[in-house]
PDB file of N, CA and C in Angstrom:
ATOM      1  N   MET A   1      28.737  21.811  14.993  1.00  0.00           N
ATOM      2  CA  MET A   1      28.778  20.517  15.644  1.00  0.00           C
ATOM      3  C   MET A   1      28.770  19.432  14.565  1.00  0.00           C
ATOM      4  N   SER A   2      29.745  18.558  14.600  1.00  0.00           N
ATOM      5  CA  SER A   2      29.829  17.484  13.614  1.00  0.00           C
ATOM      6  C   SER A   2      29.119  16.238  14.134  1.00  0.00           C
ATOM      7  N   GLU A   3      28.967  15.251  13.261  1.00  0.00           N
ATOM      8  CA  GLU A   3      28.345  13.991  13.660  1.00  0.00           C
ATOM      9  C   GLU A   3      29.168  13.307  14.746  1.00  0.00           C
ATOM     10  N   ASP A   4      30.496  13.407  14.677  1.00  0.00           N
ATOM     11  CA  ASP A   4      31.359  12.805  15.692  1.00  0.00           C
ATOM     12  C   ASP A   4      31.111  13.412  17.068  1.00  0.00           C
ATOM     13  N   ASP A   5      30.806  14.701  17.128  1.00  0.00           N
ATOM     14  CA  ASP A   5      30.528  15.345  18.410  1.00  0.00           C
ATOM     15  C   ASP A   5      29.265  14.775  19.038  1.00  0.00           C
ATOM     16  N   ALA A   6      28.292  14.408  18.228  1.00  0.00           N
ATOM     17  CA  ALA A   6      27.051  13.851  18.747  1.00  0.00           C
ATOM     18  C   ALA A   6      27.258  12.429  19.253  1.00  0.00           C
ATOM     19  N   ILE A   7      28.179  11.694  18.633  1.00  0.00           N
ATOM     20  CA  ILE A   7      28.427  10.301  19.027  1.00  0.00           C
ATOM     21  C   ILE A   7      29.292  10.244  20.279  1.00  0.00           C
ATOM     22  N   HIS A   8      30.339  11.041  20.331  1.00  0.00           N
ATOM     23  CA  HIS A   8      31.263  11.007  21.460  1.00  0.00           C
ATOM     24  C   HIS A   8      31.073  12.251  22.321  1.00  0.00           C
ATOM     25  N   PRO A   9      30.967  12.063  23.627  1.00  0.00           N
ATOM     26  CA  PRO A   9      30.865  13.240  24.494  1.00  0.00           C
ATOM     27  C   PRO A   9      32.078  14.146  24.303  1.00  0.00           C
ATOM     28  N   PRO A  10      31.936  15.451  24.485  1.00  0.00           N
ATOM     29  CA  PRO A  10      33.052  16.371  24.275  1.00  0.00           C
ATOM     30  C   PRO A  10      34.193  16.163  25.265  1.00  0.00           C
ATOM     31  N   HIS A  11      33.904  15.621  26.417  1.00  0.00           N
ATOM     32  CA  HIS A  11      34.940  15.363  27.420  1.00  0.00           C
ATOM     33  C   HIS A  11      34.440  14.294  28.376  1.00  0.00           C
ATOM     34  N   ALA A  12      35.366  13.664  29.024  1.00  0.00           N
ATOM     35  CA  ALA A  12      35.007  12.647  30.019  1.00  0.00           C
ATOM     36  C   ALA A  12      34.562  13.321  31.314  1.00  0.00           C
ATOM     37  N   PRO A  13      33.782  12.633  32.133  1.00  0.00           N
ATOM     38  CA  PRO A  13      33.379  13.212  33.417  1.00  0.00           C
ATOM     39  C   PRO A  13      34.562  13.313  34.384  1.00  0.00           C
ATOM     40  N   ARG A  14      34.341  13.967  35.491  1.00  0.00           N
ATOM     41  CA  ARG A  14      35.374  14.043  36.535  1.00  0.00           C
ATOM     42  C   ARG A  14      35.545  12.665  37.175  1.00  0.00           C
ATOM     43  N   LEU A  15      36.728  12.397  37.701  1.00  0.00           N
ATOM     44  CA  LEU A  15      36.957  11.129  38.400  1.00  0.00           C
ATOM     45  C   LEU A  15      35.959  10.976  39.530  1.00  0.00           C
ATOM     46  N   ARG A  16      35.460   9.783  39.690  1.00  0.00           N
ATOM     47  CA  ARG A  16      34.489   9.396  40.719  1.00  0.00           C
ATOM     48  C   ARG A  16      33.119  10.038  40.539  1.00  0.00           C
ATOM     49  N   GLU A  17      32.914  10.735  39.402  1.00  0.00           N
ATOM     50  CA  GLU A  17      31.579  11.268  39.115  1.00  0.00           C
ATOM     51  C   GLU A  17      30.650  10.097  38.815  1.00  0.00           C
ATOM     52  N   HIS A  18      29.435  10.194  39.299  1.00  0.00           N
ATOM     53  CA  HIS A  18      28.453   9.132  39.068  1.00  0.00           C
ATOM     54  C   HIS A  18      27.930   9.243  37.635  1.00  0.00           C
ATOM     55  N   VAL A  19      27.951   8.106  36.924  1.00  0.00           N
ATOM     56  CA  VAL A  19      27.526   8.078  35.528  1.00  0.00           C
ATOM     57  C   VAL A  19      26.606   6.889  35.297  1.00  0.00           C
ATOM     58  N   GLY A  20      25.815   7.002  34.256  1.00  0.00           N
ATOM     59  CA  GLY A  20      25.000   5.898  33.784  1.00  0.00           C
ATOM     60  C   GLY A  20      25.359   5.634  32.335  1.00  0.00           C
ATOM     61  N   MET A  21      25.337   4.375  31.951  1.00  0.00           N
ATOM     62  CA  MET A  21      25.626   3.978  30.578  1.00  0.00           C
ATOM     63  C   MET A  21      24.436   3.181  30.058  1.00  0.00           C
ATOM     64  N   ILE A  22      24.122   3.359  28.769  1.00  0.00           N
ATOM     65  CA  ILE A  22      23.011   2.630  28.157  1.00  0.00           C
ATOM     66  C   ILE A  22      23.421   2.158  26.770  1.00  0.00           C
ATOM     67  N   ARG A  23      22.929   0.987  26.409  1.00  0.00           N
ATOM     68  CA  ARG A  23      23.109   0.518  25.029  1.00  0.00           C
ATOM     69  C   ARG A  23      21.799  -0.108  24.573  1.00  0.00           C
ATOM     70  N   TRP A  24      21.502   0.144  23.318  1.00  0.00           N
ATOM     71  CA  TRP A  24      20.290  -0.376  22.702  1.00  0.00           C
ATOM     72  C   TRP A  24      20.677  -1.476  21.729  1.00  0.00           C
ATOM     73  N   GLN A  25      19.906  -2.581  21.758  1.00  0.00           N
ATOM     74  CA  GLN A  25      20.153  -3.692  20.838  1.00  0.00           C
ATOM     75  C   GLN A  25      18.825  -4.179  20.281  1.00  0.00           C
ATOM     76  N   ARG A  26      18.872  -4.691  19.051  1.00  0.00           N
ATOM     77  CA  ARG A  26      17.695  -5.325  18.454  1.00  0.00           C
ATOM     78  C   ARG A  26      17.579  -6.749  18.984  1.00  0.00           C
ATOM     79  N   THR A  27      16.375  -7.138  19.356  1.00  0.00           N
ATOM     80  CA  THR A  27      16.131  -8.520  19.766  1.00  0.00           C
ATOM     81  C   THR A  27      15.848  -9.354  18.527  1.00  0.00           C
ATOM     82  N   GLY A  28      15.731 -10.643  18.708  1.00  0.00           N
ATOM     83  CA  GLY A  28      15.487 -11.545  17.589  1.00  0.00           C
ATOM     84  C   GLY A  28      14.187 -11.269  16.856  1.00  0.00           C
ATOM     85  N   ASP A  29      13.181 -10.738  17.549  1.00  0.00           N
ATOM     86  CA  ASP A  29      11.897 -10.455  16.898  1.00  0.00           C
ATOM     87  C   ASP A  29      11.803  -9.027  16.371  1.00  0.00           C
ATOM     88  N   GLY A  30      12.917  -8.281  16.387  1.00  0.00           N
ATOM     89  CA  GLY A  30      12.950  -6.946  15.799  1.00  0.00           C
ATOM     90  C   GLY A  30      12.661  -5.808  16.750  1.00  0.00           C
ATOM     91  N   ASP A  31      12.324  -6.119  17.998  1.00  0.00           N
ATOM     92  CA  ASP A  31      12.096  -5.065  18.993  1.00  0.00           C
ATOM     93  C   ASP A  31      13.436  -4.556  19.522  1.00  0.00           C
ATOM     94  N   TRP A  32      13.397  -3.418  20.225  1.00  0.00           N
ATOM     95  CA  TRP A  32      14.592  -2.861  20.833  1.00  0.00           C
ATOM     96  C   TRP A  32      14.647  -3.238  22.301  1.00  0.00           C
ATOM     97  N   SER A  33      15.834  -3.520  22.779  1.00  0.00           N
ATOM     98  CA  SER A  33      16.065  -3.842  24.185  1.00  0.00           C
ATOM     99  C   SER A  33      17.174  -2.930  24.709  1.00  0.00           C
ATOM    100  N   ALA A  34      16.981  -2.372  25.904  1.00  0.00           N
ATOM    101  CA  ALA A  34      17.985  -1.481  26.496  1.00  0.00           C
ATOM    102  C   ALA A  34      18.680  -2.184  27.661  1.00  0.00           C
ATOM    103  N   GLU A  35      19.993  -1.988  27.743  1.00  0.00           N
ATOM    104  CA  GLU A  35      20.788  -2.476  28.870  1.00  0.00           C
ATOM    105  C   GLU A  35      21.440  -1.256  29.504  1.00  0.00           C
ATOM    106  N   THR A  36      21.379  -1.164  30.817  1.00  0.00           N
ATOM    107  CA  THR A  36      21.974  -0.014  31.496  1.00  0.00           C
ATOM    108  C   THR A  36      22.970  -0.475  32.551  1.00  0.00           C
ATOM    109  N   ALA A  37      23.886   0.422  32.885  1.00  0.00           N
ATOM    110  CA  ALA A  37      24.861   0.199  33.949  1.00  0.00           C
ATOM    111  C   ALA A  37      25.095   1.537  34.640  1.00  0.00           C
ATOM    112  N   ARG A  38      25.283   1.502  35.955  1.00  0.00           N
ATOM    113  CA  ARG A  38      25.515   2.733  36.719  1.00  0.00           C
ATOM    114  C   ARG A  38      26.685   2.534  37.668  1.00  0.00           C
ATOM    115  N   GLY A  39      27.459   3.600  37.835  1.00  0.00           N
ATOM    116  CA  GLY A  39      28.582   3.536  38.748  1.00  0.00           C
ATOM    117  C   GLY A  39      29.353   4.837  38.758  1.00  0.00           C
ATOM    118  N   GLN A  40      30.634   4.746  39.104  1.00  0.00           N
ATOM    119  CA  GLN A  40      31.502   5.928  39.170  1.00  0.00           C
ATOM    120  C   GLN A  40      32.545   5.843  38.067  1.00  0.00           C
ATOM    121  N   TYR A  41      32.745   6.975  37.382  1.00  0.00           N
ATOM    122  CA  TYR A  41      33.758   7.067  36.340  1.00  0.00           C
ATOM    123  C   TYR A  41      35.137   6.971  36.991  1.00  0.00           C
ATOM    124  N   VAL A  42      35.990   6.088  36.446  1.00  0.00           N
ATOM    125  CA  VAL A  42      37.338   5.928  37.011  1.00  0.00           C
ATOM    126  C   VAL A  42      38.445   6.132  35.980  1.00  0.00           C
ATOM    127  N   GLY A  43      38.097   6.463  34.734  1.00  0.00           N
ATOM    128  CA  GLY A  43      39.132   6.736  33.746  1.00  0.00           C
ATOM    129  C   GLY A  43      38.636   6.480  32.335  1.00  0.00           C
ATOM    130  N   GLY A  44      39.473   6.850  31.385  1.00  0.00           N
ATOM    131  CA  GLY A  44      39.139   6.633  29.991  1.00  0.00           C
ATOM    132  C   GLY A  44      39.340   7.894  29.173  1.00  0.00           C
ATOM    133  N   ASP A  45      38.778   7.868  27.961  1.00  0.00           N
ATOM    134  CA  ASP A  45      38.915   8.996  27.043  1.00  0.00           C
ATOM    135  C   ASP A  45      37.610   9.163  26.276  1.00  0.00           C
ATOM    136  N   SER A  46      37.661   9.830  25.143  1.00  0.00           N
ATOM    137  CA  SER A  46      36.433  10.105  24.397  1.00  0.00           C
ATOM    138  C   SER A  46      35.934   8.897  23.603  1.00  0.00           C
ATOM    139  N   HIS A  47      36.615   7.763  23.695  1.00  0.00           N
ATOM    140  CA  HIS A  47      36.177   6.570  22.973  1.00  0.00           C
ATOM    141  C   HIS A  47      35.867   5.396  23.886  1.00  0.00           C
ATOM    142  N   CYS A  48      36.404   5.384  25.089  1.00  0.00           N
ATOM    143  CA  CYS A  48      36.210   4.266  26.012  1.00  0.00           C
ATOM    144  C   CYS A  48      36.262   4.786  27.452  1.00  0.00           C
ATOM    145  N   TRP A  49      35.239   4.461  28.237  1.00  0.00           N
ATOM    146  CA  TRP A  49      35.213   4.870  29.647  1.00  0.00           C
ATOM    147  C   TRP A  49      35.321   3.646  30.534  1.00  0.00           C
ATOM    148  N   ARG A  50      36.067   3.765  31.632  1.00  0.00           N
ATOM    149  CA  ARG A  50      36.095   2.747  32.673  1.00  0.00           C
ATOM    150  C   ARG A  50      35.179   3.216  33.796  1.00  0.00           C
ATOM    151  N   VAL A  51      34.273   2.330  34.191  1.00  0.00           N
ATOM    152  CA  VAL A  51      33.292   2.654  35.217  1.00  0.00           C
ATOM    153  C   VAL A  51      33.359   1.584  36.294  1.00  0.00           C
ATOM    154  N   ARG A  52      33.430   2.016  37.557  1.00  0.00           N
ATOM    155  CA  ARG A  52      33.348   1.089  38.684  1.00  0.00           C
ATOM    156  C   ARG A  52      31.876   1.007  39.069  1.00  0.00           C
ATOM    157  N   LEU A  53      31.291  -0.142  38.775  1.00  0.00           N
ATOM    158  CA  LEU A  53      29.885  -0.336  39.088  1.00  0.00           C
ATOM    159  C   LEU A  53      29.682  -0.300  40.600  1.00  0.00           C
ATOM    160  N   TYR A  54      28.454  -0.055  41.033  1.00  0.00           N
ATOM    161  CA  TYR A  54      28.180   0.016  42.469  1.00  0.00           C
ATOM    162  C   TYR A  54      28.422  -1.318  43.167  1.00  0.00           C
ATOM    163  N   SER A  55      28.483  -2.403  42.404  1.00  0.00           N
ATOM    164  CA  SER A  55      28.817  -3.715  42.973  1.00  0.00           C
ATOM    165  C   SER A  55      30.314  -3.856  43.233  1.00  0.00           C
ATOM    166  N   GLY A  56      31.131  -2.887  42.759  1.00  0.00           N
ATOM    167  CA  GLY A  56      32.575  -2.918  42.967  1.00  0.00           C
ATOM    168  C   GLY A  56      33.360  -3.396  41.762  1.00  0.00           C
ATOM    169  N   ILE A  57      32.692  -3.953  40.771  1.00  0.00           N
ATOM    170  CA  ILE A  57      33.356  -4.438  39.563  1.00  0.00           C
ATOM    171  C   ILE A  57      33.667  -3.256  38.655  1.00  0.00           C
ATOM    172  N   GLU A  58      34.875  -3.239  38.080  1.00  0.00           N
ATOM    173  CA  GLU A  58      35.281  -2.180  37.158  1.00  0.00           C
ATOM    174  C   GLU A  58      35.253  -2.726  35.736  1.00  0.00           C
ATOM    175  N   LEU A  59      34.516  -2.030  34.847  1.00  0.00           N
ATOM    176  CA  LEU A  59      34.369  -2.464  33.459  1.00  0.00           C
ATOM    177  C   LEU A  59      34.671  -1.316  32.508  1.00  0.00           C
ATOM    178  N   GLU A  60      35.057  -1.670  31.273  1.00  0.00           N
ATOM    179  CA  GLU A  60      35.260  -0.668  30.224  1.00  0.00           C
ATOM    180  C   GLU A  60      34.043  -0.644  29.318  1.00  0.00           C
ATOM    181  N   TYR A  61      33.647   0.570  28.913  1.00  0.00           N
ATOM    182  CA  TYR A  61      32.496   0.752  28.033  1.00  0.00           C
ATOM    183  C   TYR A  61      32.936   1.489  26.778  1.00  0.00           C
ATOM    184  N   ASP A  62      32.813   0.806  25.643  1.00  0.00           N
ATOM    185  CA  ASP A  62      33.153   1.378  24.341  1.00  0.00           C
ATOM    186  C   ASP A  62      32.051   2.363  23.968  1.00  0.00           C
ATOM    187  N   LEU A  63      32.398   3.620  23.741  1.00  0.00           N
ATOM    188  CA  LEU A  63      31.401   4.647  23.447  1.00  0.00           C
ATOM    189  C   LEU A  63      30.850   4.555  22.024  1.00  0.00           C
ATOM    190  N   GLU A  64      31.362   3.621  21.229  1.00  0.00           N
ATOM    191  CA  GLU A  64      30.733   3.313  19.939  1.00  0.00           C
ATOM    192  C   GLU A  64      29.471   2.474  20.152  1.00  0.00           C
ATOM    193  N   VAL A  65      29.427   1.753  21.285  1.00  0.00           N
ATOM    194  CA  VAL A  65      28.323   0.846  21.593  1.00  0.00           C
ATOM    195  C   VAL A  65      27.434   1.413  22.706  1.00  0.00           C
ATOM    196  N   TRP A  66      28.050   1.971  23.731  1.00  0.00           N
ATOM    197  CA  TRP A  66      27.358   2.499  24.900  1.00  0.00           C
ATOM    198  C   TRP A  66      27.301   4.028  24.850  1.00  0.00           C
ATOM    199  N   ALA A  67      26.263   4.600  25.437  1.00  0.00           N
ATOM    200  CA  ALA A  67      26.119   6.044  25.509  1.00  0.00           C
ATOM    201  C   ALA A  67      25.878   6.443  26.967  1.00  0.00           C
ATOM    202  N   PRO A  68      26.474   7.552  27.413  1.00  0.00           N
ATOM    203  CA  PRO A  68      26.213   8.025  28.774  1.00  0.00           C
ATOM    204  C   PRO A  68      24.804   8.612  28.872  1.00  0.00           C
ATOM    205  N   PHE A  69      24.200   8.474  30.052  1.00  0.00           N
ATOM    206  CA  PHE A  69      22.911   9.109  30.307  1.00  0.00           C
ATOM    207  C   PHE A  69      22.902   9.597  31.752  1.00  0.00           C
ATOM    208  N   GLN A  70      21.982  10.510  32.039  1.00  0.00           N
ATOM    209  CA  GLN A  70      21.872  11.033  33.403  1.00  0.00           C
ATOM    210  C   GLN A  70      20.581  10.579  34.024  1.00  0.00           C
TER     211      GLN A  70
END
């Protein structure tokens, strides 16, 4: 398993599969802050996923910044 395998999932989920996305960022005071999004996978590849949020909005998530979670 290479470092790239750990960063990028080996394959995208099935269409309409429910997914969660998370990204961690440093705040101004040095603490970590997490942002999450949940919805259904609607397309993409091993570098960028399109997710239709439960609110109906469809967004792209760069897997260099965001990571899938269950």
